[in-house]
């Protein structure tokens, strides 16, 4: 990709949110209504320079909107979620749900409560086009444009970071999640796996990834139980495990959000079809307890040990 070519919509989305600190900043804005620099710094234990950099990127990417306010006679700035950022709420809930099912952690996750049916619940992936649920990766067909992978692996603004003591509190996403999301190659390698790529040479030719980088990601994905090598030896075939296939919900929300909010060059999109209805697959979340589609303002998180309500849609 030359410097004058625009990345695909998915490439632009991964550049905007495919970073550990960025997702945690947005998550705290949703759940705890954090809006001010000092509150993010104290809540996340971030250095001021890193936080200032991420907030600048989030404003430039139209994910946060700076608003002045007065405090003790001084004008300060707080940051509000934009419409583009608010549209990410189902992705954050789906990440919570995937971690709940697959990632052991020292501290229990907050519980999701559905205000409509009044129950503590989990979510399932549904098709907004037809209302069908649950939908799995095997219930869909994905076709990529001719240049999708060539335009998706854009260079990051900054190096990937790993948060120290990750998982020490119930809200923080775990390092395992960021092995799959917080790196420009990881999500694309998973996308290729969802599209049926199986052998090392095929991943390399499809993606143009350096052999050392590809070998490292495939090794990590195998260690994490996301991929399994069916034919150990010189030329193994990598298949998605149940854990890897279940990541499809997160993948689907990223693709849908990306292609809703960003415009890419021709032939760089991914077209996902729901086999049951034959229509474009638009992911949505449904309540496992009552089966209804979830609205952003109809759910909240509860920390049982603290009796703390963390509203996804309030504020």
C-alpha atoms as a PDB file:
ATOM      1  CA  UNK A   1       0.000   0.000   0.000  1.00  0.00           C
ATOM      2  CA  UNK A   2       1.454   3.350  -0.963  1.00  0.00           C
ATOM      3  CA  UNK A   3       1.336   6.371   1.261  1.00  0.00           C
ATOM      4  CA  UNK A   4      -1.396   7.991  -0.858  1.00  0.00           C
ATOM      5  CA  UNK A   5      -3.855   5.104  -0.668  1.00  0.00           C
ATOM      6  CA  UNK A   6      -6.595   5.172   1.934  1.00  0.00           C
ATOM      7  CA  UNK A   7      -6.899   2.071   4.150  1.00  0.00           C
ATOM      8  CA  UNK A   8      -9.995  -0.071   3.992  1.00  0.00           C
ATOM      9  CA  UNK A   9     -12.852   0.768   6.356  1.00  0.00           C
ATOM     10  CA  UNK A  10     -11.759  -2.107   8.580  1.00  0.00           C
ATOM     11  CA  UNK A  11      -8.169  -0.859   8.504  1.00  0.00           C
ATOM     12  CA  UNK A  12      -9.312   2.593   9.593  1.00  0.00           C
ATOM     13  CA  UNK A  13     -11.417   1.097  12.389  1.00  0.00           C
ATOM     14  CA  UNK A  14      -8.561  -1.030  13.688  1.00  0.00           C
ATOM     15  CA  UNK A  15      -6.329   2.021  13.651  1.00  0.00           C
ATOM     16  CA  UNK A  16      -8.943   3.915  15.684  1.00  0.00           C
ATOM     17  CA  UNK A  17      -9.805   1.313  18.350  1.00  0.00           C
ATOM     18  CA  UNK A  18      -7.365  -1.593  18.041  1.00  0.00           C
ATOM     19  CA  UNK A  19      -5.384  -0.511  21.080  1.00  0.00           C
ATOM     20  CA  UNK A  20      -5.625  -1.600  24.703  1.00  0.00           C
ATOM     21  CA  UNK A  21      -5.625   1.857  26.271  1.00  0.00           C
ATOM     22  CA  UNK A  22      -8.100   3.233  23.738  1.00  0.00           C
ATOM     23  CA  UNK A  23     -10.635   0.484  24.427  1.00  0.00           C
ATOM     24  CA  UNK A  24     -10.238   0.894  28.180  1.00  0.00           C
ATOM     25  CA  UNK A  25     -10.733   4.664  27.931  1.00  0.00           C
ATOM     26  CA  UNK A  26     -13.930   4.135  25.941  1.00  0.00           C
ATOM     27  CA  UNK A  27     -15.099   1.364  28.253  1.00  0.00           C
ATOM     28  CA  UNK A  28     -14.714   3.580  31.336  1.00  0.00           C
ATOM     29  CA  UNK A  29     -16.545   6.373  29.546  1.00  0.00           C
ATOM     30  CA  UNK A  30     -19.465   4.014  28.894  1.00  0.00           C
ATOM     31  CA  UNK A  31     -19.626   2.208  32.214  1.00  0.00           C
ATOM     32  CA  UNK A  32     -18.437   4.758  34.749  1.00  0.00           C
ATOM     33  CA  UNK A  33     -19.226   7.934  32.780  1.00  0.00           C
ATOM     34  CA  UNK A  34     -15.606   9.059  33.106  1.00  0.00           C
ATOM     35  CA  UNK A  35     -15.185  12.345  31.260  1.00  0.00           C
ATOM     36  CA  UNK A  36     -12.184  14.070  32.749  1.00  0.00           C
ATOM     37  CA  UNK A  37      -8.437  13.614  32.356  1.00  0.00           C
ATOM     38  CA  UNK A  38      -7.648  13.101  36.044  1.00  0.00           C
ATOM     39  CA  UNK A  39     -10.435  10.549  36.460  1.00  0.00           C
ATOM     40  CA  UNK A  40      -9.149   8.385  33.569  1.00  0.00           C
ATOM     41  CA  UNK A  41      -5.598   8.709  34.876  1.00  0.00           C
ATOM     42  CA  UNK A  42      -6.582   7.588  38.367  1.00  0.00           C
ATOM     43  CA  UNK A  43      -9.040   4.903  37.259  1.00  0.00           C
ATOM     44  CA  UNK A  44      -6.692   3.225  34.769  1.00  0.00           C
ATOM     45  CA  UNK A  45      -3.305   3.992  36.287  1.00  0.00           C
ATOM     46  CA  UNK A  46      -2.113   5.553  33.025  1.00  0.00           C
ATOM     47  CA  UNK A  47       0.812   7.893  32.631  1.00  0.00           C
ATOM     48  CA  UNK A  48      -0.280  11.412  31.799  1.00  0.00           C
ATOM     49  CA  UNK A  49       1.672  11.439  28.526  1.00  0.00           C
ATOM     50  CA  UNK A  50       0.048   8.224  27.271  1.00  0.00           C
ATOM     51  CA  UNK A  51      -3.405   9.398  28.305  1.00  0.00           C
ATOM     52  CA  UNK A  52      -2.943  12.783  26.629  1.00  0.00           C
ATOM     53  CA  UNK A  53      -1.842  11.035  23.437  1.00  0.00           C
ATOM     54  CA  UNK A  54      -4.829   8.664  23.382  1.00  0.00           C
ATOM     55  CA  UNK A  55      -7.335  11.442  24.120  1.00  0.00           C
ATOM     56  CA  UNK A  56      -5.862  13.488  21.284  1.00  0.00           C
ATOM     57  CA  UNK A  57      -6.276  10.503  18.925  1.00  0.00           C
ATOM     58  CA  UNK A  58      -9.828   9.848  20.111  1.00  0.00           C
ATOM     59  CA  UNK A  59     -10.793  13.469  19.462  1.00  0.00           C
ATOM     60  CA  UNK A  60      -9.130  13.444  16.035  1.00  0.00           C
ATOM     61  CA  UNK A  61     -10.950  10.200  15.244  1.00  0.00           C
ATOM     62  CA  UNK A  62     -14.362  11.677  16.200  1.00  0.00           C
ATOM     63  CA  UNK A  63     -14.804   9.254  19.118  1.00  0.00           C
ATOM     64  CA  UNK A  64     -14.619  11.850  21.883  1.00  0.00           C
ATOM     65  CA  UNK A  65     -15.808  15.446  21.784  1.00  0.00           C
ATOM     66  CA  UNK A  66     -14.035  18.023  23.986  1.00  0.00           C
ATOM     67  CA  UNK A  67     -16.360  20.311  25.946  1.00  0.00           C
ATOM     68  CA  UNK A  68     -15.161  23.147  28.184  1.00  0.00           C
ATOM     69  CA  UNK A  69     -16.395  23.485  31.767  1.00  0.00           C
ATOM     70  CA  UNK A  70     -15.625  25.823  34.652  1.00  0.00           C
ATOM     71  CA  UNK A  71     -14.126  24.613  37.920  1.00  0.00           C
ATOM     72  CA  UNK A  72     -12.741  26.789  40.706  1.00  0.00           C
ATOM     73  CA  UNK A  73     -12.646  29.753  38.372  1.00  0.00           C
ATOM     74  CA  UNK A  74     -10.677  27.938  35.665  1.00  0.00           C
ATOM     75  CA  UNK A  75     -11.812  26.631  32.276  1.00  0.00           C
ATOM     76  CA  UNK A  76     -11.092  22.937  31.894  1.00  0.00           C
ATOM     77  CA  UNK A  77     -12.018  20.262  29.348  1.00  0.00           C
ATOM     78  CA  UNK A  78     -14.119  17.152  29.644  1.00  0.00           C
ATOM     79  CA  UNK A  79     -14.689  14.617  26.887  1.00  0.00           C
ATOM     80  CA  UNK A  80     -18.047  13.255  25.784  1.00  0.00           C
ATOM     81  CA  UNK A  81     -18.701  10.178  23.643  1.00  0.00           C
ATOM     82  CA  UNK A  82     -19.682  11.003  20.071  1.00  0.00           C
ATOM     83  CA  UNK A  83     -22.364   9.224  18.076  1.00  0.00           C
ATOM     84  CA  UNK A  84     -19.649   7.180  16.368  1.00  0.00           C
ATOM     85  CA  UNK A  85     -18.302   6.031  19.731  1.00  0.00           C
ATOM     86  CA  UNK A  86     -21.733   5.310  21.187  1.00  0.00           C
ATOM     87  CA  UNK A  87     -22.306   2.912  18.292  1.00  0.00           C
ATOM     88  CA  UNK A  88     -19.493   0.757  19.751  1.00  0.00           C
ATOM     89  CA  UNK A  89     -21.510  -0.252  22.826  1.00  0.00           C
ATOM     90  CA  UNK A  90     -22.513  -3.737  21.520  1.00  0.00           C
ATOM     91  CA  UNK A  91     -18.866  -4.511  20.734  1.00  0.00           C
ATOM     92  CA  UNK A  92     -17.868  -3.744  24.336  1.00  0.00           C
ATOM     93  CA  UNK A  93     -20.695  -5.943  25.647  1.00  0.00           C
ATOM     94  CA  UNK A  94     -19.758  -8.768  23.260  1.00  0.00           C
ATOM     95  CA  UNK A  95     -16.133  -8.615  24.466  1.00  0.00           C
ATOM     96  CA  UNK A  96     -17.449  -8.938  28.050  1.00  0.00           C
ATOM     97  CA  UNK A  97     -19.563 -11.929  27.041  1.00  0.00           C
ATOM     98  CA  UNK A  98     -16.699 -13.684  25.222  1.00  0.00           C
ATOM     99  CA  UNK A  99     -14.396 -13.237  28.216  1.00  0.00           C
ATOM    100  CA  UNK A 100     -17.148 -14.546  30.487  1.00  0.00           C
ATOM    101  CA  UNK A 101     -17.343 -17.747  28.463  1.00  0.00           C
ATOM    102  CA  UNK A 102     -13.680 -18.374  27.674  1.00  0.00           C
ATOM    103  CA  UNK A 103     -11.168 -16.474  29.821  1.00  0.00           C
ATOM    104  CA  UNK A 104     -10.502 -17.417  33.453  1.00  0.00           C
ATOM    105  CA  UNK A 105      -9.832 -14.431  35.679  1.00  0.00           C
ATOM    106  CA  UNK A 106      -8.991 -13.749  39.299  1.00  0.00           C
ATOM    107  CA  UNK A 107     -11.871 -11.347  39.818  1.00  0.00           C
ATOM    108  CA  UNK A 108     -15.447 -12.015  38.816  1.00  0.00           C
ATOM    109  CA  UNK A 109     -16.918 -10.060  35.933  1.00  0.00           C
ATOM    110  CA  UNK A 110     -19.758  -7.623  36.519  1.00  0.00           C
ATOM    111  CA  UNK A 111     -23.175  -9.037  35.701  1.00  0.00           C
ATOM    112  CA  UNK A 112     -25.359  -7.749  32.868  1.00  0.00           C
ATOM    113  CA  UNK A 113     -28.937  -6.905  33.807  1.00  0.00           C
ATOM    114  CA  UNK A 114     -31.692  -6.487  31.221  1.00  0.00           C
ATOM    115  CA  UNK A 115     -34.096  -3.821  32.458  1.00  0.00           C
ATOM    116  CA  UNK A 116     -36.948  -5.027  30.216  1.00  0.00           C
ATOM    117  CA  UNK A 117     -37.181  -8.543  31.678  1.00  0.00           C
ATOM    118  CA  UNK A 118     -35.508  -7.689  34.976  1.00  0.00           C
ATOM    119  CA  UNK A 119     -33.050 -10.587  34.888  1.00  0.00           C
ATOM    120  CA  UNK A 120     -29.292 -10.981  35.177  1.00  0.00           C
ATOM    121  CA  UNK A 121     -28.377 -12.427  31.825  1.00  0.00           C
ATOM    122  CA  UNK A 122     -25.837 -13.079  29.109  1.00  0.00           C
ATOM    123  CA  UNK A 123     -26.148 -12.127  25.453  1.00  0.00           C
ATOM    124  CA  UNK A 124     -26.349 -14.051  22.212  1.00  0.00           C
ATOM    125  CA  UNK A 125     -25.537 -12.900  18.718  1.00  0.00           C
ATOM    126  CA  UNK A 126     -28.509 -12.273  16.448  1.00  0.00           C
ATOM    127  CA  UNK A 127     -29.249 -11.060  12.921  1.00  0.00           C
ATOM    128  CA  UNK A 128     -30.893  -7.651  12.825  1.00  0.00           C
ATOM    129  CA  UNK A 129     -31.971  -8.231   9.221  1.00  0.00           C
ATOM    130  CA  UNK A 130     -34.324 -11.111  10.040  1.00  0.00           C
ATOM    131  CA  UNK A 131     -34.437 -11.267  13.839  1.00  0.00           C
ATOM    132  CA  UNK A 132     -32.952 -14.758  13.920  1.00  0.00           C
ATOM    133  CA  UNK A 133     -30.790 -15.894  16.843  1.00  0.00           C
ATOM    134  CA  UNK A 134     -28.461 -17.320  17.839  1.00  0.00           C
ATOM    135  CA  UNK A 135     -26.113 -16.796  14.881  1.00  0.00           C
ATOM    136  CA  UNK A 136     -22.657 -18.387  14.768  1.00  0.00           C
ATOM    137  CA  UNK A 137     -19.774 -18.098  12.318  1.00  0.00           C
ATOM    138  CA  UNK A 138     -20.997 -21.263  10.599  1.00  0.00           C
ATOM    139  CA  UNK A 139     -24.386 -19.615   9.961  1.00  0.00           C
ATOM    140  CA  UNK A 140     -22.822 -16.920   7.809  1.00  0.00           C
ATOM    141  CA  UNK A 141     -20.900 -16.605   4.572  1.00  0.00           C
ATOM    142  CA  UNK A 142     -18.180 -13.981   4.239  1.00  0.00           C
ATOM    143  CA  UNK A 143     -16.802 -12.768   0.914  1.00  0.00           C
ATOM    144  CA  UNK A 144     -13.931 -10.323   0.754  1.00  0.00           C
ATOM    145  CA  UNK A 145     -13.131  -7.719  -1.841  1.00  0.00           C
ATOM    146  CA  UNK A 146     -10.125  -8.239  -4.075  1.00  0.00           C
ATOM    147  CA  UNK A 147      -8.002  -5.752  -2.117  1.00  0.00           C
ATOM    148  CA  UNK A 148      -9.384  -6.183   1.412  1.00  0.00           C
ATOM    149  CA  UNK A 149      -6.285  -7.608   3.031  1.00  0.00           C
ATOM    150  CA  UNK A 150      -3.905  -5.381   1.093  1.00  0.00           C
ATOM    151  CA  UNK A 151      -5.623  -2.321   2.550  1.00  0.00           C
ATOM    152  CA  UNK A 152      -6.416  -3.442   6.093  1.00  0.00           C
ATOM    153  CA  UNK A 153      -3.052  -3.934   7.800  1.00  0.00           C
ATOM    154  CA  UNK A 154      -2.215  -0.271   8.300  1.00  0.00           C
ATOM    155  CA  UNK A 155       0.706   0.724  10.494  1.00  0.00           C
ATOM    156  CA  UNK A 156      -0.244   1.751  14.019  1.00  0.00           C
ATOM    157  CA  UNK A 157       0.195   5.200  15.533  1.00  0.00           C
ATOM    158  CA  UNK A 158       2.179   3.744  18.420  1.00  0.00           C
ATOM    159  CA  UNK A 159       3.578   0.503  19.705  1.00  0.00           C
ATOM    160  CA  UNK A 160       1.331  -2.107  21.229  1.00  0.00           C
ATOM    161  CA  UNK A 161       1.249  -1.834  25.018  1.00  0.00           C
ATOM    162  CA  UNK A 162       0.475  -4.386  27.688  1.00  0.00           C
ATOM    163  CA  UNK A 163      -1.073  -3.042  30.841  1.00  0.00           C
ATOM    164  CA  UNK A 164       0.741  -4.075  33.993  1.00  0.00           C
ATOM    165  CA  UNK A 165      -1.325  -6.035  36.520  1.00  0.00           C
ATOM    166  CA  UNK A 166      -4.033  -6.453  33.871  1.00  0.00           C
ATOM    167  CA  UNK A 167      -7.155  -8.052  35.234  1.00  0.00           C
ATOM    168  CA  UNK A 168      -6.558  -6.782  38.750  1.00  0.00           C
ATOM    169  CA  UNK A 169     -10.014  -5.227  38.737  1.00  0.00           C
ATOM    170  CA  UNK A 170     -13.312  -6.638  37.458  1.00  0.00           C
ATOM    171  CA  UNK A 171     -13.705  -4.126  34.627  1.00  0.00           C
ATOM    172  CA  UNK A 172     -10.405  -4.426  32.800  1.00  0.00           C
ATOM    173  CA  UNK A 173     -10.222  -6.580  29.713  1.00  0.00           C
ATOM    174  CA  UNK A 174      -7.576  -9.286  29.997  1.00  0.00           C
ATOM    175  CA  UNK A 175      -4.301  -9.568  28.055  1.00  0.00           C
ATOM    176  CA  UNK A 176      -5.697 -12.594  26.221  1.00  0.00           C
ATOM    177  CA  UNK A 177      -8.356 -10.392  24.638  1.00  0.00           C
ATOM    178  CA  UNK A 178      -5.765  -7.889  23.501  1.00  0.00           C
ATOM    179  CA  UNK A 179      -3.675 -10.642  21.944  1.00  0.00           C
ATOM    180  CA  UNK A 180      -6.555 -10.840  19.447  1.00  0.00           C
ATOM    181  CA  UNK A 181      -7.564  -7.164  19.246  1.00  0.00           C
ATOM    182  CA  UNK A 182      -4.657  -4.932  20.159  1.00  0.00           C
ATOM    183  CA  UNK A 183      -2.398  -5.648  17.196  1.00  0.00           C
ATOM    184  CA  UNK A 184      -2.820  -4.774  13.526  1.00  0.00           C
ATOM    185  CA  UNK A 185      -1.945  -8.301  12.347  1.00  0.00           C
ATOM    186  CA  UNK A 186      -3.844 -10.358  14.895  1.00  0.00           C
ATOM    187  CA  UNK A 187      -7.372  -9.368  13.909  1.00  0.00           C
ATOM    188  CA  UNK A 188      -6.532  -9.721  10.210  1.00  0.00           C
ATOM    189  CA  UNK A 189      -5.087 -13.210  10.695  1.00  0.00           C
ATOM    190  CA  UNK A 190      -8.286 -14.168  12.515  1.00  0.00           C
ATOM    191  CA  UNK A 191     -10.331 -12.675   9.681  1.00  0.00           C
ATOM    192  CA  UNK A 192      -8.400 -14.811   7.190  1.00  0.00           C
ATOM    193  CA  UNK A 193      -9.073 -17.869   9.357  1.00  0.00           C
ATOM    194  CA  UNK A 194     -12.811 -17.084   9.339  1.00  0.00           C
ATOM    195  CA  UNK A 195     -12.569 -16.898   5.537  1.00  0.00           C
ATOM    196  CA  UNK A 196     -11.080 -20.388   5.383  1.00  0.00           C
ATOM    197  CA  UNK A 197      -7.327 -19.787   5.244  1.00  0.00           C
ATOM    198  CA  UNK A 198      -5.609 -22.753   6.876  1.00  0.00           C
ATOM    199  CA  UNK A 199      -1.920 -23.138   5.947  1.00  0.00           C
ATOM    200  CA  UNK A 200       1.051 -20.941   6.801  1.00  0.00           C
ATOM    201  CA  UNK A 201       1.932 -20.305   3.151  1.00  0.00           C
ATOM    202  CA  UNK A 202      -1.668 -19.287   2.398  1.00  0.00           C
ATOM    203  CA  UNK A 203      -1.793 -16.815   5.315  1.00  0.00           C
ATOM    204  CA  UNK A 204       1.479 -15.331   4.112  1.00  0.00           C
ATOM    205  CA  UNK A 205       0.464 -14.994   0.470  1.00  0.00           C
ATOM    206  CA  UNK A 206      -3.002 -13.627   1.314  1.00  0.00           C
ATOM    207  CA  UNK A 207      -1.849 -11.094   3.901  1.00  0.00           C
ATOM    208  CA  UNK A 208       1.696 -10.220   2.887  1.00  0.00           C
ATOM    209  CA  UNK A 209       2.786 -10.658   6.498  1.00  0.00           C
ATOM    210  CA  UNK A 210       6.429 -11.282   7.385  1.00  0.00           C
ATOM    211  CA  UNK A 211       7.082 -14.980   8.156  1.00  0.00           C
ATOM    212  CA  UNK A 212       8.447 -14.181  11.638  1.00  0.00           C
ATOM    213  CA  UNK A 213       5.361 -12.127  12.535  1.00  0.00           C
ATOM    214  CA  UNK A 214       3.006 -14.762  11.181  1.00  0.00           C
ATOM    215  CA  UNK A 215       4.801 -17.577  13.011  1.00  0.00           C
ATOM    216  CA  UNK A 216       4.600 -15.624  16.278  1.00  0.00           C
ATOM    217  CA  UNK A 217       0.855 -14.918  15.945  1.00  0.00           C
ATOM    218  CA  UNK A 218      -0.004 -18.492  14.959  1.00  0.00           C
ATOM    219  CA  UNK A 219       2.026 -19.804  17.878  1.00  0.00           C
ATOM    220  CA  UNK A 220       0.279 -17.455  20.321  1.00  0.00           C
ATOM    221  CA  UNK A 221      -3.161 -18.245  18.941  1.00  0.00           C
ATOM    222  CA  UNK A 222      -2.436 -21.952  19.314  1.00  0.00           C
ATOM    223  CA  UNK A 223      -1.225 -21.480  22.896  1.00  0.00           C
ATOM    224  CA  UNK A 224      -4.373 -19.485  23.692  1.00  0.00           C
ATOM    225  CA  UNK A 225      -6.585 -22.235  22.275  1.00  0.00           C
ATOM    226  CA  UNK A 226      -8.013 -20.016  19.524  1.00  0.00           C
ATOM    227  CA  UNK A 227      -6.408 -22.048  16.730  1.00  0.00           C
ATOM    228  CA  UNK A 228      -5.447 -25.731  16.647  1.00  0.00           C
ATOM    229  CA  UNK A 229      -2.945 -27.399  14.308  1.00  0.00           C
ATOM    230  CA  UNK A 230      -4.740 -30.392  12.814  1.00  0.00           C
ATOM    231  CA  UNK A 231      -1.704 -31.786  11.009  1.00  0.00           C
ATOM    232  CA  UNK A 232       1.365 -31.252  13.210  1.00  0.00           C
ATOM    233  CA  UNK A 233       4.577 -31.278  11.278  1.00  0.00           C
ATOM    234  CA  UNK A 234       6.236 -29.233   8.603  1.00  0.00           C
ATOM    235  CA  UNK A 235       2.975 -27.956   7.062  1.00  0.00           C
ATOM    236  CA  UNK A 236       0.223 -27.893   9.706  1.00  0.00           C
ATOM    237  CA  UNK A 237      -3.334 -26.846   8.924  1.00  0.00           C
ATOM    238  CA  UNK A 238      -4.722 -24.333  11.392  1.00  0.00           C
ATOM    239  CA  UNK A 239      -8.417 -24.456  12.228  1.00  0.00           C
ATOM    240  CA  UNK A 240     -10.468 -22.261  14.513  1.00  0.00           C
ATOM    241  CA  UNK A 241     -11.387 -23.977  17.775  1.00  0.00           C
ATOM    242  CA  UNK A 242     -14.712 -23.450  19.518  1.00  0.00           C
ATOM    243  CA  UNK A 243     -13.098 -20.569  21.393  1.00  0.00           C
ATOM    244  CA  UNK A 244     -11.835 -19.052  18.158  1.00  0.00           C
ATOM    245  CA  UNK A 245     -15.148 -19.518  16.343  1.00  0.00           C
ATOM    246  CA  UNK A 246     -16.945 -17.836  19.242  1.00  0.00           C
ATOM    247  CA  UNK A 247     -14.814 -14.710  18.676  1.00  0.00           C
ATOM    248  CA  UNK A 248     -16.884 -14.260  15.513  1.00  0.00           C
ATOM    249  CA  UNK A 249     -19.322 -12.012  17.386  1.00  0.00           C
ATOM    250  CA  UNK A 250     -16.565  -9.519  18.196  1.00  0.00           C
ATOM    251  CA  UNK A 251     -15.255  -9.765  14.639  1.00  0.00           C
ATOM    252  CA  UNK A 252     -18.768  -9.180  13.224  1.00  0.00           C
ATOM    253  CA  UNK A 253     -19.343  -6.052  15.316  1.00  0.00           C
ATOM    254  CA  UNK A 254     -15.964  -4.610  14.305  1.00  0.00           C
ATOM    255  CA  UNK A 255     -16.704  -5.208  10.602  1.00  0.00           C
ATOM    256  CA  UNK A 256     -20.226  -3.775  10.870  1.00  0.00           C
ATOM    257  CA  UNK A 257     -19.109  -0.694  12.811  1.00  0.00           C
ATOM    258  CA  UNK A 258     -16.161  -0.123  10.481  1.00  0.00           C
ATOM    259  CA  UNK A 259     -18.193  -0.308   7.302  1.00  0.00           C
ATOM    260  CA  UNK A 260     -20.945   1.883   8.769  1.00  0.00           C
ATOM    261  CA  UNK A 261     -18.686   4.712   9.903  1.00  0.00           C
ATOM    262  CA  UNK A 262     -15.721   4.618   7.509  1.00  0.00           C
ATOM    263  CA  UNK A 263     -15.434   4.642   3.736  1.00  0.00           C
ATOM    264  CA  UNK A 264     -12.700   2.566   2.129  1.00  0.00           C
ATOM    265  CA  UNK A 265     -11.415   2.311  -1.439  1.00  0.00           C
ATOM    266  CA  UNK A 266     -13.234   0.030  -3.905  1.00  0.00           C
ATOM    267  CA  UNK A 267     -12.888  -3.732  -3.423  1.00  0.00           C
ATOM    268  CA  UNK A 268     -11.734  -3.471   0.191  1.00  0.00           C
ATOM    269  CA  UNK A 269     -14.954  -4.417   1.978  1.00  0.00           C
ATOM    270  CA  UNK A 270     -16.112  -7.661   3.597  1.00  0.00           C
ATOM    271  CA  UNK A 271     -19.608  -8.843   2.744  1.00  0.00           C
ATOM    272  CA  UNK A 272     -21.140 -11.028   5.432  1.00  0.00           C
ATOM    273  CA  UNK A 273     -24.403 -12.831   4.610  1.00  0.00           C
ATOM    274  CA  UNK A 274     -26.718 -14.665   7.011  1.00  0.00           C
ATOM    275  CA  UNK A 275     -27.378 -17.990   5.312  1.00  0.00           C
ATOM    276  CA  UNK A 276     -30.822 -18.455   6.909  1.00  0.00           C
ATOM    277  CA  UNK A 277     -32.317 -15.278   5.451  1.00  0.00           C
ATOM    278  CA  UNK A 278     -29.927 -14.599   2.580  1.00  0.00           C
ATOM    279  CA  UNK A 279     -29.617 -10.959   3.604  1.00  0.00           C
ATOM    280  CA  UNK A 280     -26.605  -8.919   4.751  1.00  0.00           C
ATOM    281  CA  UNK A 281     -25.713  -9.922   8.286  1.00  0.00           C
ATOM    282  CA  UNK A 282     -26.152  -6.985  10.657  1.00  0.00           C
ATOM    283  CA  UNK A 283     -25.138  -8.201  14.109  1.00  0.00           C
ATOM    284  CA  UNK A 284     -27.233  -7.404  17.148  1.00  0.00           C
ATOM    285  CA  UNK A 285     -27.364  -8.579  20.744  1.00  0.00           C
ATOM    286  CA  UNK A 286     -30.252 -10.531  22.202  1.00  0.00           C
ATOM    287  CA  UNK A 287     -31.029 -11.335  25.833  1.00  0.00           C
ATOM    288  CA  UNK A 288     -30.475 -15.026  26.585  1.00  0.00           C
ATOM    289  CA  UNK A 289     -33.180 -14.894  29.263  1.00  0.00           C
ATOM    290  CA  UNK A 290     -36.110 -13.406  27.327  1.00  0.00           C
ATOM    291  CA  UNK A 291     -34.898 -13.481  23.714  1.00  0.00           C
ATOM    292  CA  UNK A 292     -35.522  -9.793  23.052  1.00  0.00           C
ATOM    293  CA  UNK A 293     -33.090  -7.600  21.170  1.00  0.00           C
ATOM    294  CA  UNK A 294     -31.098  -5.422  23.569  1.00  0.00           C
ATOM    295  CA  UNK A 295     -31.178  -1.649  23.351  1.00  0.00           C
ATOM    296  CA  UNK A 296     -28.321   0.437  24.680  1.00  0.00           C
ATOM    297  CA  UNK A 297     -30.459   2.164  27.291  1.00  0.00           C
ATOM    298  CA  UNK A 298     -32.137  -1.074  28.408  1.00  0.00           C
ATOM    299  CA  UNK A 299     -29.137  -2.769  30.027  1.00  0.00           C
ATOM    300  CA  UNK A 300     -26.755  -2.040  32.858  1.00  0.00           C
ATOM    301  CA  UNK A 301     -23.877  -3.798  34.580  1.00  0.00           C
ATOM    302  CA  UNK A 302     -23.964  -4.711  38.264  1.00  0.00           C
ATOM    303  CA  UNK A 303     -20.979  -5.380  40.505  1.00  0.00           C
ATOM    304  CA  UNK A 304     -22.466  -7.848  43.003  1.00  0.00           C
ATOM    305  CA  UNK A 305     -19.854  -7.373  45.728  1.00  0.00           C
ATOM    306  CA  UNK A 306     -20.124  -3.594  45.544  1.00  0.00           C
ATOM    307  CA  UNK A 307     -23.814  -3.252  44.581  1.00  0.00           C
ATOM    308  CA  UNK A 308     -22.635  -0.726  42.007  1.00  0.00           C
ATOM    309  CA  UNK A 309     -24.759  -0.054  38.964  1.00  0.00           C
ATOM    310  CA  UNK A 310     -22.713   0.620  35.842  1.00  0.00           C
ATOM    311  CA  UNK A 311     -25.143   1.778  33.200  1.00  0.00           C
ATOM    312  CA  UNK A 312     -24.165   1.179  29.596  1.00  0.00           C
ATOM    313  CA  UNK A 313     -26.644   3.673  28.299  1.00  0.00           C
ATOM    314  CA  UNK A 314     -26.981   6.303  30.982  1.00  0.00           C
ATOM    315  CA  UNK A 315     -25.354   9.693  31.310  1.00  0.00           C
END
